[in-house]
């Protein structure tokens, strides 16, 4: 179900990202949840939006196949996300990120 308000969509996005960063969701599971729960789009509509086939999107959501960085960025871009390098250790991540104000 698609949240109705921008704040609801943003809260859903943040909650899913927290689960992803805690290693509770794979890339594909995150993509599927964001597509369905944040955007409320079918695979067919989302695939058309990002310019890939529905089958490719299905494979991505199922964590199948060999995925390029370009393709990952293409499918996450409409959600305001990009694939990037982050330290796996939380202590290093905290040191690498600028302090929030």
PDB file of N, CA and C in Angstrom:
ATOM      1  N   UNK A   1       0.836  -1.178   0.000  1.00  0.00           N
ATOM      2  CA  UNK A   1       0.000   0.000   0.000  1.00  0.00           C
ATOM      3  C   UNK A   1       0.881   1.242   0.000  1.00  0.00           C
ATOM      4  N   UNK A   2       0.560   2.196  -0.817  1.00  0.00           N
ATOM      5  CA  UNK A   2       1.341   3.409  -0.961  1.00  0.00           C
ATOM      6  C   UNK A   2       0.972   4.432   0.119  1.00  0.00           C
ATOM      7  N   UNK A   3       1.974   4.879   0.912  1.00  0.00           N
ATOM      8  CA  UNK A   3       1.676   5.944   1.858  1.00  0.00           C
ATOM      9  C   UNK A   3       1.181   7.177   1.113  1.00  0.00           C
ATOM     10  N   UNK A   4       0.270   7.926   1.721  1.00  0.00           N
ATOM     11  CA  UNK A   4      -0.388   9.027   1.029  1.00  0.00           C
ATOM     12  C   UNK A   4       0.383  10.332   1.077  1.00  0.00           C
ATOM     13  N   UNK A   5       1.075  10.603   2.130  1.00  0.00           N
ATOM     14  CA  UNK A   5       1.736  11.885   2.295  1.00  0.00           C
ATOM     15  C   UNK A   5       3.242  11.746   2.114  1.00  0.00           C
ATOM     16  N   UNK A   6       3.876  12.831   1.697  1.00  0.00           N
ATOM     17  CA  UNK A   6       5.323  12.834   1.498  1.00  0.00           C
ATOM     18  C   UNK A   6       6.033  12.411   2.781  1.00  0.00           C
ATOM     19  N   UNK A   7       5.579  12.914   3.916  1.00  0.00           N
ATOM     20  CA  UNK A   7       6.205  12.560   5.194  1.00  0.00           C
ATOM     21  C   UNK A   7       6.088  11.060   5.472  1.00  0.00           C
ATOM     22  N   UNK A   8       4.949  10.463   5.118  1.00  0.00           N
ATOM     23  CA  UNK A   8       4.766   9.025   5.303  1.00  0.00           C
ATOM     24  C   UNK A   8       5.708   8.236   4.406  1.00  0.00           C
ATOM     25  N   UNK A   9       5.849   8.689   3.155  1.00  0.00           N
ATOM     26  CA  UNK A   9       6.765   8.006   2.223  1.00  0.00           C
ATOM     27  C   UNK A   9       8.200   8.115   2.720  1.00  0.00           C
ATOM     28  N   UNK A  10       8.571   9.293   3.198  1.00  0.00           N
ATOM     29  CA  UNK A  10       9.927   9.488   3.700  1.00  0.00           C
ATOM     30  C   UNK A  10      10.187   8.631   4.933  1.00  0.00           C
ATOM     31  N   UNK A  11       9.230   8.547   5.824  1.00  0.00           N
ATOM     32  CA  UNK A  11       9.370   7.711   7.026  1.00  0.00           C
ATOM     33  C   UNK A  11       9.507   6.239   6.637  1.00  0.00           C
ATOM     34  N   UNK A  12       8.734   5.785   5.657  1.00  0.00           N
ATOM     35  CA  UNK A  12       8.838   4.398   5.185  1.00  0.00           C
ATOM     36  C   UNK A  12      10.205   4.149   4.555  1.00  0.00           C
ATOM     37  N   UNK A  13      10.695   5.114   3.792  1.00  0.00           N
ATOM     38  CA  UNK A  13      12.018   5.003   3.174  1.00  0.00           C
ATOM     39  C   UNK A  13      13.086   4.874   4.243  1.00  0.00           C
ATOM     40  N   UNK A  14      13.049   5.726   5.245  1.00  0.00           N
ATOM     41  CA  UNK A  14      14.043   5.697   6.317  1.00  0.00           C
ATOM     42  C   UNK A  14      13.982   4.373   7.074  1.00  0.00           C
ATOM     43  N   UNK A  15      12.794   3.904   7.384  1.00  0.00           N
ATOM     44  CA  UNK A  15      12.653   2.639   8.114  1.00  0.00           C
ATOM     45  C   UNK A  15      13.238   1.473   7.315  1.00  0.00           C
ATOM     46  N   UNK A  16      12.982   1.454   6.026  1.00  0.00           N
ATOM     47  CA  UNK A  16      13.525   0.380   5.185  1.00  0.00           C
ATOM     48  C   UNK A  16      15.040   0.492   5.058  1.00  0.00           C
ATOM     49  N   UNK A  17      15.552   1.708   4.938  1.00  0.00           N
ATOM     50  CA  UNK A  17      17.004   1.884   4.861  1.00  0.00           C
ATOM     51  C   UNK A  17      17.677   1.430   6.161  1.00  0.00           C
ATOM     52  N   UNK A  18      17.064   1.697   7.292  1.00  0.00           N
ATOM     53  CA  UNK A  18      17.619   1.242   8.565  1.00  0.00           C
ATOM     54  C   UNK A  18      17.709  -0.273   8.595  1.00  0.00           C
ATOM     55  N   UNK A  19      16.687  -0.939   8.116  1.00  0.00           N
ATOM     56  CA  UNK A  19      16.717  -2.407   8.060  1.00  0.00           C
ATOM     57  C   UNK A  19      17.789  -2.900   7.100  1.00  0.00           C
ATOM     58  N   UNK A  20      17.951  -2.190   5.980  1.00  0.00           N
ATOM     59  CA  UNK A  20      18.979  -2.548   5.007  1.00  0.00           C
ATOM     60  C   UNK A  20      20.372  -2.389   5.617  1.00  0.00           C
ATOM     61  N   UNK A  21      20.623  -1.247   6.270  1.00  0.00           N
ATOM     62  CA  UNK A  21      21.933  -0.989   6.876  1.00  0.00           C
ATOM     63  C   UNK A  21      22.222  -1.938   8.030  1.00  0.00           C
ATOM     64  N   UNK A  22      21.187  -2.491   8.645  1.00  0.00           N
ATOM     65  CA  UNK A  22      21.358  -3.479   9.709  1.00  0.00           C
ATOM     66  C   UNK A  22      21.500  -4.890   9.139  1.00  0.00           C
ATOM     67  N   UNK A  23      21.580  -4.997   7.814  1.00  0.00           N
ATOM     68  CA  UNK A  23      21.722  -6.278   7.101  1.00  0.00           C
ATOM     69  C   UNK A  23      20.514  -7.181   7.271  1.00  0.00           C
ATOM     70  N   UNK A  24      19.338  -6.590   7.484  1.00  0.00           N
ATOM     71  CA  UNK A  24      18.103  -7.363   7.574  1.00  0.00           C
ATOM     72  C   UNK A  24      17.459  -7.543   6.199  1.00  0.00           C
ATOM     73  N   UNK A  25      17.843  -6.720   5.233  1.00  0.00           N
ATOM     74  CA  UNK A  25      17.311  -6.786   3.870  1.00  0.00           C
ATOM     75  C   UNK A  25      18.465  -6.812   2.874  1.00  0.00           C
ATOM     76  N   UNK A  26      18.305  -7.581   1.815  1.00  0.00           N
ATOM     77  CA  UNK A  26      19.275  -7.571   0.718  1.00  0.00           C
ATOM     78  C   UNK A  26      18.959  -6.390  -0.204  1.00  0.00           C
ATOM     79  N   UNK A  27      19.830  -6.140  -1.170  1.00  0.00           N
ATOM     80  CA  UNK A  27      19.571  -5.085  -2.166  1.00  0.00           C
ATOM     81  C   UNK A  27      18.224  -5.301  -2.845  1.00  0.00           C
ATOM     82  N   UNK A  28      17.984  -6.534  -3.267  1.00  0.00           N
ATOM     83  CA  UNK A  28      16.751  -6.851  -3.980  1.00  0.00           C
ATOM     84  C   UNK A  28      15.514  -6.700  -3.108  1.00  0.00           C
ATOM     85  N   UNK A  29      15.608  -7.159  -1.869  1.00  0.00           N
ATOM     86  CA  UNK A  29      14.481  -7.010  -0.951  1.00  0.00           C
ATOM     87  C   UNK A  29      14.190  -5.542  -0.672  1.00  0.00           C
ATOM     88  N   UNK A  30      15.249  -4.743  -0.538  1.00  0.00           N
ATOM     89  CA  UNK A  30      15.076  -3.309  -0.333  1.00  0.00           C
ATOM     90  C   UNK A  30      14.394  -2.674  -1.540  1.00  0.00           C
ATOM     91  N   UNK A  31      14.877  -2.991  -2.724  1.00  0.00           N
ATOM     92  CA  UNK A  31      14.296  -2.430  -3.940  1.00  0.00           C
ATOM     93  C   UNK A  31      12.810  -2.785  -4.048  1.00  0.00           C
ATOM     94  N   UNK A  32      12.477  -4.031  -3.811  1.00  0.00           N
ATOM     95  CA  UNK A  32      11.075  -4.467  -3.899  1.00  0.00           C
ATOM     96  C   UNK A  32      10.194  -3.719  -2.896  1.00  0.00           C
ATOM     97  N   UNK A  33      10.661  -3.630  -1.653  1.00  0.00           N
ATOM     98  CA  UNK A  33       9.880  -2.946  -0.626  1.00  0.00           C
ATOM     99  C   UNK A  33       9.718  -1.463  -0.943  1.00  0.00           C
ATOM    100  N   UNK A  34      10.777  -0.821  -1.424  1.00  0.00           N
ATOM    101  CA  UNK A  34      10.693   0.594  -1.772  1.00  0.00           C
ATOM    102  C   UNK A  34       9.733   0.808  -2.935  1.00  0.00           C
ATOM    103  N   UNK A  35       9.828  -0.047  -3.951  1.00  0.00           N
ATOM    104  CA  UNK A  35       8.953   0.078  -5.122  1.00  0.00           C
ATOM    105  C   UNK A  35       7.494  -0.069  -4.726  1.00  0.00           C
ATOM    106  N   UNK A  36       7.213  -1.095  -3.937  1.00  0.00           N
ATOM    107  CA  UNK A  36       5.821  -1.385  -3.564  1.00  0.00           C
ATOM    108  C   UNK A  36       5.308  -0.475  -2.456  1.00  0.00           C
ATOM    109  N   UNK A  37       6.067  -0.377  -1.363  1.00  0.00           N
ATOM    110  CA  UNK A  37       5.563   0.281  -0.161  1.00  0.00           C
ATOM    111  C   UNK A  37       5.749   1.797  -0.153  1.00  0.00           C
ATOM    112  N   UNK A  38       6.786   2.277  -0.821  1.00  0.00           N
ATOM    113  CA  UNK A  38       7.023   3.722  -0.842  1.00  0.00           C
ATOM    114  C   UNK A  38       6.399   4.359  -2.080  1.00  0.00           C
ATOM    115  N   UNK A  39       6.639   3.749  -3.237  1.00  0.00           N
ATOM    116  CA  UNK A  39       6.107   4.321  -4.478  1.00  0.00           C
ATOM    117  C   UNK A  39       4.748   3.755  -4.868  1.00  0.00           C
ATOM    118  N   UNK A  40       4.433   2.555  -4.417  1.00  0.00           N
ATOM    119  CA  UNK A  40       3.152   1.942  -4.757  1.00  0.00           C
ATOM    120  C   UNK A  40       3.037   1.566  -6.221  1.00  0.00           C
ATOM    121  N   UNK A  41       4.148   1.163  -6.833  1.00  0.00           N
ATOM    122  CA  UNK A  41       4.157   0.832  -8.264  1.00  0.00           C
ATOM    123  C   UNK A  41       4.314  -0.667  -8.496  1.00  0.00           C
ATOM    124  N   UNK A  42       3.708  -1.141  -9.574  1.00  0.00           N
ATOM    125  CA  UNK A  42       3.891  -2.528 -10.000  1.00  0.00           C
ATOM    126  C   UNK A  42       5.278  -2.675 -10.625  1.00  0.00           C
ATOM    127  N   UNK A  43       5.717  -3.919 -10.781  1.00  0.00           N
ATOM    128  CA  UNK A  43       6.991  -4.157 -11.465  1.00  0.00           C
ATOM    129  C   UNK A  43       6.962  -3.596 -12.876  1.00  0.00           C
ATOM    130  N   UNK A  44       5.864  -3.784 -13.573  1.00  0.00           N
ATOM    131  CA  UNK A  44       5.758  -3.316 -14.963  1.00  0.00           C
ATOM    132  C   UNK A  44       5.905  -1.805 -15.039  1.00  0.00           C
ATOM    133  N   UNK A  45       5.198  -1.089 -14.185  1.00  0.00           N
ATOM    134  CA  UNK A  45       5.271   0.391 -14.209  1.00  0.00           C
ATOM    135  C   UNK A  45       6.644   0.891 -13.788  1.00  0.00           C
ATOM    136  N   UNK A  46       7.233   0.269 -12.759  1.00  0.00           N
ATOM    137  CA  UNK A  46       8.543   0.732 -12.297  1.00  0.00           C
ATOM    138  C   UNK A  46       9.626   0.418 -13.329  1.00  0.00           C
ATOM    139  N   UNK A  47       9.549  -0.752 -13.933  1.00  0.00           N
ATOM    140  CA  UNK A  47      10.528  -1.113 -14.974  1.00  0.00           C
ATOM    141  C   UNK A  47      10.472  -0.109 -16.124  1.00  0.00           C
ATOM    142  N   UNK A  48       9.274   0.271 -16.531  1.00  0.00           N
ATOM    143  CA  UNK A  48       9.125   1.263 -17.600  1.00  0.00           C
ATOM    144  C   UNK A  48       9.698   2.614 -17.165  1.00  0.00           C
ATOM    145  N   UNK A  49       9.477   2.979 -15.918  1.00  0.00           N
ATOM    146  CA  UNK A  49       9.977   4.249 -15.387  1.00  0.00           C
ATOM    147  C   UNK A  49      11.501   4.325 -15.453  1.00  0.00           C
ATOM    148  N   UNK A  50      12.174   3.226 -15.120  1.00  0.00           N
ATOM    149  CA  UNK A  50      13.637   3.240 -15.094  1.00  0.00           C
ATOM    150  C   UNK A  50      14.272   2.738 -16.387  1.00  0.00           C
ATOM    151  N   UNK A  51      13.453   2.310 -17.339  1.00  0.00           N
ATOM    152  CA  UNK A  51      13.965   1.921 -18.653  1.00  0.00           C
ATOM    153  C   UNK A  51      14.606   0.553 -18.725  1.00  0.00           C
ATOM    154  N   UNK A  52      14.042  -0.410 -17.977  1.00  0.00           N
ATOM    155  CA  UNK A  52      14.525  -1.787 -18.043  1.00  0.00           C
ATOM    156  C   UNK A  52      13.327  -2.708 -18.242  1.00  0.00           C
ATOM    157  N   UNK A  53      13.591  -3.970 -18.527  1.00  0.00           N
ATOM    158  CA  UNK A  53      12.485  -4.911 -18.691  1.00  0.00           C
ATOM    159  C   UNK A  53      11.943  -5.333 -17.323  1.00  0.00           C
ATOM    160  N   UNK A  54      10.707  -5.778 -17.320  1.00  0.00           N
ATOM    161  CA  UNK A  54      10.112  -6.271 -16.088  1.00  0.00           C
ATOM    162  C   UNK A  54      10.883  -7.477 -15.572  1.00  0.00           C
ATOM    163  N   UNK A  55      11.352  -8.311 -16.493  1.00  0.00           N
ATOM    164  CA  UNK A  55      12.128  -9.504 -16.116  1.00  0.00           C
ATOM    165  C   UNK A  55      13.429  -9.113 -15.413  1.00  0.00           C
ATOM    166  N   UNK A  56      14.098  -8.087 -15.931  1.00  0.00           N
ATOM    167  CA  UNK A  56      15.333  -7.620 -15.296  1.00  0.00           C
ATOM    168  C   UNK A  56      15.038  -7.111 -13.896  1.00  0.00           C
ATOM    169  N   UNK A  57      13.953  -6.357 -13.739  1.00  0.00           N
ATOM    170  CA  UNK A  57      13.570  -5.869 -12.418  1.00  0.00           C
ATOM    171  C   UNK A  57      13.260  -7.039 -11.487  1.00  0.00           C
ATOM    172  N   UNK A  58      12.552  -8.029 -11.988  1.00  0.00           N
ATOM    173  CA  UNK A  58      12.238  -9.205 -11.189  1.00  0.00           C
ATOM    174  C   UNK A  58      13.516  -9.903 -10.724  1.00  0.00           C
ATOM    175  N   UNK A  59      14.481 -10.040 -11.623  1.00  0.00           N
ATOM    176  CA  UNK A  59      15.765 -10.655 -11.264  1.00  0.00           C
ATOM    177  C   UNK A  59      16.493  -9.836 -10.207  1.00  0.00           C
ATOM    178  N   UNK A  60      16.472  -8.508 -10.353  1.00  0.00           N
ATOM    179  CA  UNK A  60      17.116  -7.637  -9.365  1.00  0.00           C
ATOM    180  C   UNK A  60      16.463  -7.806  -7.991  1.00  0.00           C
ATOM    181  N   UNK A  61      15.148  -7.798  -7.972  1.00  0.00           N
ATOM    182  CA  UNK A  61      14.433  -7.936  -6.704  1.00  0.00           C
ATOM    183  C   UNK A  61      14.625  -9.316  -6.089  1.00  0.00           C
ATOM    184  N   UNK A  62      14.924 -10.301  -6.913  1.00  0.00           N
ATOM    185  CA  UNK A  62      15.190 -11.651  -6.431  1.00  0.00           C
ATOM    186  C   UNK A  62      16.656 -11.910  -6.161  1.00  0.00           C
ATOM    187  N   UNK A  63      17.469 -10.844  -6.246  1.00  0.00           N
ATOM    188  CA  UNK A  63      18.915 -10.945  -6.029  1.00  0.00           C
ATOM    189  C   UNK A  63      19.558 -11.984  -6.944  1.00  0.00           C
ATOM    190  N   UNK A  64      19.090 -12.006  -8.200  1.00  0.00           N
ATOM    191  CA  UNK A  64      19.618 -12.945  -9.188  1.00  0.00           C
ATOM    192  C   UNK A  64      20.447 -12.198 -10.222  1.00  0.00           C
ATOM    193  N   UNK A  65      21.401 -12.889 -10.775  1.00  0.00           N
ATOM    194  CA  UNK A  65      22.165 -12.339 -11.888  1.00  0.00           C
ATOM    195  C   UNK A  65      23.338 -11.484 -11.454  1.00  0.00           C
ATOM    196  N   UNK A  66      24.058 -11.042 -12.452  1.00  0.00           N
ATOM    197  CA  UNK A  66      25.231 -10.200 -12.270  1.00  0.00           C
ATOM    198  C   UNK A  66      24.822  -8.765 -12.572  1.00  0.00           C
ATOM    199  N   UNK A  67      24.788  -7.923 -11.576  1.00  0.00           N
ATOM    200  CA  UNK A  67      24.250  -6.579 -11.722  1.00  0.00           C
ATOM    201  C   UNK A  67      25.382  -5.558 -11.765  1.00  0.00           C
ATOM    202  N   UNK A  68      25.322  -4.676 -12.738  1.00  0.00           N
ATOM    203  CA  UNK A  68      26.334  -3.629 -12.830  1.00  0.00           C
ATOM    204  C   UNK A  68      25.987  -2.476 -11.897  1.00  0.00           C
ATOM    205  N   UNK A  69      26.989  -1.704 -11.566  1.00  0.00           N
ATOM    206  CA  UNK A  69      26.787  -0.514 -10.746  1.00  0.00           C
ATOM    207  C   UNK A  69      25.862   0.472 -11.455  1.00  0.00           C
ATOM    208  N   UNK A  70      26.017   0.601 -12.763  1.00  0.00           N
ATOM    209  CA  UNK A  70      25.163   1.490 -13.553  1.00  0.00           C
ATOM    210  C   UNK A  70      23.684   1.086 -13.435  1.00  0.00           C
ATOM    211  N   UNK A  71      23.415  -0.211 -13.525  1.00  0.00           N
ATOM    212  CA  UNK A  71      22.034  -0.688 -13.429  1.00  0.00           C
ATOM    213  C   UNK A  71      21.470  -0.447 -12.031  1.00  0.00           C
ATOM    214  N   UNK A  72      22.274  -0.730 -10.999  1.00  0.00           N
ATOM    215  CA  UNK A  72      21.794  -0.486  -9.634  1.00  0.00           C
ATOM    216  C   UNK A  72      21.462   0.994  -9.433  1.00  0.00           C
ATOM    217  N   UNK A  73      22.318   1.862  -9.916  1.00  0.00           N
ATOM    218  CA  UNK A  73      22.047   3.289  -9.772  1.00  0.00           C
ATOM    219  C   UNK A  73      20.791   3.681 -10.543  1.00  0.00           C
ATOM    220  N   UNK A  74      20.588   3.094 -11.693  1.00  0.00           N
ATOM    221  CA  UNK A  74      19.396   3.405 -12.487  1.00  0.00           C
ATOM    222  C   UNK A  74      18.116   3.035 -11.749  1.00  0.00           C
ATOM    223  N   UNK A  75      18.098   1.877 -11.097  1.00  0.00           N
ATOM    224  CA  UNK A  75      16.860   1.442 -10.440  1.00  0.00           C
ATOM    225  C   UNK A  75      16.624   2.126  -9.096  1.00  0.00           C
ATOM    226  N   UNK A  76      17.683   2.585  -8.444  1.00  0.00           N
ATOM    227  CA  UNK A  76      17.501   3.258  -7.159  1.00  0.00           C
ATOM    228  C   UNK A  76      17.350   4.776  -7.294  1.00  0.00           C
ATOM    229  N   UNK A  77      17.711   5.344  -8.430  1.00  0.00           N
ATOM    230  CA  UNK A  77      17.662   6.799  -8.632  1.00  0.00           C
ATOM    231  C   UNK A  77      16.274   7.412  -8.386  1.00  0.00           C
ATOM    232  N   UNK A  78      15.176   6.824  -8.886  1.00  0.00           N
ATOM    233  CA  UNK A  78      13.859   7.435  -8.633  1.00  0.00           C
ATOM    234  C   UNK A  78      13.481   7.495  -7.147  1.00  0.00           C
ATOM    235  N   UNK A  79      14.197   6.743  -6.337  1.00  0.00           N
ATOM    236  CA  UNK A  79      13.940   6.733  -4.904  1.00  0.00           C
ATOM    237  C   UNK A  79      14.847   7.710  -4.160  1.00  0.00           C
ATOM    238  N   UNK A  80      15.667   8.449  -4.923  1.00  0.00           N
ATOM    239  CA  UNK A  80      16.576   9.403  -4.324  1.00  0.00           C
ATOM    240  C   UNK A  80      17.816   8.758  -3.730  1.00  0.00           C
ATOM    241  N   UNK A  81      18.153   7.552  -4.204  1.00  0.00           N
ATOM    242  CA  UNK A  81      19.291   6.812  -3.680  1.00  0.00           C
ATOM    243  C   UNK A  81      20.316   6.547  -4.772  1.00  0.00           C
ATOM    244  N   UNK A  82      21.552   6.381  -4.355  1.00  0.00           N
ATOM    245  CA  UNK A  82      22.598   5.951  -5.276  1.00  0.00           C
ATOM    246  C   UNK A  82      23.480   4.947  -4.565  1.00  0.00           C
ATOM    247  N   UNK A  83      24.066   4.070  -5.334  1.00  0.00           N
ATOM    248  CA  UNK A  83      24.954   3.064  -4.785  1.00  0.00           C
ATOM    249  C   UNK A  83      26.296   3.740  -4.530  1.00  0.00           C
ATOM    250  N   UNK A  84      26.850   3.499  -3.350  1.00  0.00           N
ATOM    251  CA  UNK A  84      28.098   4.144  -2.974  1.00  0.00           C
ATOM    252  C   UNK A  84      28.910   3.208  -2.082  1.00  0.00           C
ATOM    253  N   UNK A  85      30.122   3.579  -1.835  1.00  0.00           N
ATOM    254  CA  UNK A  85      30.981   2.799  -0.952  1.00  0.00           C
ATOM    255  C   UNK A  85      30.868   3.334   0.467  1.00  0.00           C
ATOM    256  N   UNK A  86      30.548   2.444   1.392  1.00  0.00           N
ATOM    257  CA  UNK A  86      30.486   2.794   2.801  1.00  0.00           C
ATOM    258  C   UNK A  86      31.275   1.758   3.591  1.00  0.00           C
ATOM    259  N   UNK A  87      31.957   2.186   4.642  1.00  0.00           N
ATOM    260  CA  UNK A  87      32.646   1.211   5.493  1.00  0.00           C
ATOM    261  C   UNK A  87      31.649   0.245   6.114  1.00  0.00           C
ATOM    262  N   UNK A  88      32.025  -1.010   6.215  1.00  0.00           N
ATOM    263  CA  UNK A  88      31.142  -2.008   6.813  1.00  0.00           C
ATOM    264  C   UNK A  88      31.111  -1.908   8.331  1.00  0.00           C
ATOM    265  N   UNK A  89      32.204  -1.451   8.909  1.00  0.00           N
ATOM    266  CA  UNK A  89      32.260  -1.312  10.365  1.00  0.00           C
ATOM    267  C   UNK A  89      31.610   0.007  10.763  1.00  0.00           C
ATOM    268  N   UNK A  90      30.690  -0.078  11.698  1.00  0.00           N
ATOM    269  CA  UNK A  90      29.943   1.113  12.119  1.00  0.00           C
ATOM    270  C   UNK A  90      30.860   2.204  12.670  1.00  0.00           C
ATOM    271  N   UNK A  91      31.904   1.822  13.397  1.00  0.00           N
ATOM    272  CA  UNK A  91      32.816   2.815  13.970  1.00  0.00           C
ATOM    273  C   UNK A  91      33.511   3.601  12.864  1.00  0.00           C
ATOM    274  N   UNK A  92      33.928   2.912  11.818  1.00  0.00           N
ATOM    275  CA  UNK A  92      34.557   3.603  10.691  1.00  0.00           C
ATOM    276  C   UNK A  92      33.558   4.481   9.953  1.00  0.00           C
ATOM    277  N   UNK A  93      32.338   3.992   9.813  1.00  0.00           N
ATOM    278  CA  UNK A  93      31.297   4.776   9.164  1.00  0.00           C
ATOM    279  C   UNK A  93      31.043   6.068   9.941  1.00  0.00           C
ATOM    280  N   UNK A  94      30.947   5.953  11.257  1.00  0.00           N
ATOM    281  CA  UNK A  94      30.712   7.135  12.084  1.00  0.00           C
ATOM    282  C   UNK A  94      31.852   8.139  11.945  1.00  0.00           C
ATOM    283  N   UNK A  95      33.078   7.650  11.836  1.00  0.00           N
ATOM    284  CA  UNK A  95      34.224   8.536  11.669  1.00  0.00           C
ATOM    285  C   UNK A  95      34.243   9.177  10.284  1.00  0.00           C
ATOM    286  N   UNK A  96      33.795   8.437   9.278  1.00  0.00           N
ATOM    287  CA  UNK A  96      33.861   8.919   7.897  1.00  0.00           C
ATOM    288  C   UNK A  96      32.772   9.939   7.573  1.00  0.00           C
ATOM    289  N   UNK A  97      31.615   9.831   8.227  1.00  0.00           N
ATOM    290  CA  UNK A  97      30.510  10.738   7.930  1.00  0.00           C
ATOM    291  C   UNK A  97      30.700  12.051   8.680  1.00  0.00           C
ATOM    292  N   UNK A  98      30.340  13.159   8.031  1.00  0.00           N
ATOM    293  CA  UNK A  98      30.449  14.442   8.725  1.00  0.00           C
ATOM    294  C   UNK A  98      29.432  14.510   9.861  1.00  0.00           C
ATOM    295  N   UNK A  99      29.770  15.231  10.922  1.00  0.00           N
ATOM    296  CA  UNK A  99      28.809  15.337  12.027  1.00  0.00           C
ATOM    297  C   UNK A  99      27.560  16.094  11.589  1.00  0.00           C
ATOM    298  N   UNK A 100      26.425  15.693  12.145  1.00  0.00           N
ATOM    299  CA  UNK A 100      25.169  16.387  11.819  1.00  0.00           C
ATOM    300  C   UNK A 100      24.991  17.565  12.756  1.00  0.00           C
ATOM    301  N   UNK A 101      24.316  18.561  12.268  1.00  0.00           N
ATOM    302  CA  UNK A 101      24.101  19.771  13.077  1.00  0.00           C
ATOM    303  C   UNK A 101      22.750  19.790  13.688  1.00  0.00           C
TER     304      UNK A 101
END
